[in-house]
């Protein structure tokens, strides 16, 4: 039981990290969008689009990882006699 709890706690920590990482990627996207709004005439828009696409791809991968972590967490929590 302690092994399951320890694995669960590790997943909680990983979930917290991924959540912060996703929030950081979202903040970067918002910052770039605001940059285009404020200084769009002075920017190379194809470069901004490439940067946004790259950020979105990494963010999507993080979201997929987060879903897997949450699934594994639920499966572990189900093994406790009294579910969380």
Protein backbone atom coordinates (compact mmCIF):
# COMPACT_ATOMS: atom_id res chain seq x y z
CA UNK A 1 0.00 0.00 0.00
CA UNK A 2 2.85 2.39 0.78
CA UNK A 3 4.34 1.70 -2.65
CA UNK A 4 1.05 2.66 -4.30
CA UNK A 5 0.80 5.80 -2.19
CA UNK A 6 4.39 6.77 -3.04
CA UNK A 7 3.73 6.28 -6.77
CA UNK A 8 0.53 8.30 -6.42
CA UNK A 9 2.37 11.16 -4.72
CA UNK A 10 5.01 11.14 -7.47
CA UNK A 11 2.24 11.43 -10.04
CA UNK A 12 0.67 14.32 -8.10
CA UNK A 13 4.01 16.12 -8.21
CA UNK A 14 4.39 15.43 -11.95
CA UNK A 15 0.83 16.65 -12.55
CA UNK A 16 1.60 19.88 -10.70
CA UNK A 17 4.75 20.39 -12.77
CA UNK A 18 2.93 19.74 -16.05
CA UNK A 19 0.14 22.10 -15.07
CA UNK A 20 2.66 24.88 -14.41
CA UNK A 21 4.46 24.10 -17.66
CA UNK A 22 1.22 24.32 -19.65
CA UNK A 23 0.34 27.61 -17.96
CA UNK A 24 3.79 28.92 -18.90
CA UNK A 25 3.31 27.93 -22.54
CA UNK A 26 -0.11 29.62 -22.53
CA UNK A 27 1.46 32.78 -21.11
CA UNK A 28 4.07 32.73 -23.88
CA UNK A 29 1.36 32.46 -26.53
CA UNK A 30 -0.53 35.36 -24.94
CA UNK A 31 2.66 37.42 -24.84
CA UNK A 32 3.34 36.83 -28.54
CA UNK A 33 -0.24 37.66 -29.48
CA UNK A 34 -0.01 40.90 -27.50
CA UNK A 35 3.33 41.67 -29.15
CA UNK A 36 1.70 41.36 -32.57
CA UNK A 37 -1.14 43.59 -31.41
CA UNK A 38 1.24 46.26 -30.12
CA UNK A 39 4.07 46.12 -32.66
CA UNK A 40 2.74 44.06 -35.53
CA UNK A 41 4.06 46.37 -38.22
CA UNK A 42 7.65 45.86 -37.07
CA UNK A 43 7.55 42.06 -36.87
CA UNK A 44 8.11 39.28 -39.38
CA UNK A 45 4.72 37.55 -39.21
CA UNK A 46 5.75 34.22 -40.75
CA UNK A 47 8.35 33.92 -37.98
CA UNK A 48 5.75 34.67 -35.32
CA UNK A 49 3.46 32.04 -36.84
CA UNK A 50 6.28 29.46 -36.78
CA UNK A 51 7.05 30.27 -33.16
CA UNK A 52 3.37 29.99 -32.20
CA UNK A 53 3.04 26.67 -34.03
CA UNK A 54 6.10 25.32 -32.23
CA UNK A 55 4.80 26.46 -28.87
CA UNK A 56 1.40 24.93 -29.63
CA UNK A 57 2.97 21.60 -30.59
CA UNK A 58 4.95 21.41 -27.36
CA UNK A 59 1.90 22.52 -25.38
CA UNK A 60 -0.24 19.82 -27.03
CA UNK A 61 2.36 17.20 -26.10
CA UNK A 62 2.30 18.40 -22.50
CA UNK A 63 -1.49 18.20 -22.41
CA UNK A 64 -1.31 14.61 -23.71
CA UNK A 65 1.20 13.76 -21.02
CA UNK A 66 -1.01 15.38 -18.39
CA UNK A 67 -3.99 13.26 -19.46
CA UNK A 68 -1.87 10.11 -19.11
CA UNK A 69 -0.66 11.18 -15.68
CA UNK A 70 -4.23 11.84 -14.54
CA UNK A 71 -5.31 8.44 -15.85
CA UNK A 72 -2.47 6.69 -14.00
CA UNK A 73 -3.31 8.66 -10.85
CA UNK A 74 -6.96 7.58 -11.03
CA UNK A 75 -5.96 3.95 -11.58
CA UNK A 76 -3.68 4.05 -8.53
CA UNK A 77 -6.25 5.84 -6.37
CA UNK A 78 -8.74 3.12 -7.26
CA UNK A 79 -6.45 0.60 -5.53
CA UNK A 80 -6.81 2.30 -2.14
CA UNK A 81 -9.47 0.77 0.12
CA UNK A 82 -11.08 4.16 0.62
CA UNK A 83 -10.85 6.20 -2.58
CA UNK A 84 -9.55 9.75 -2.24
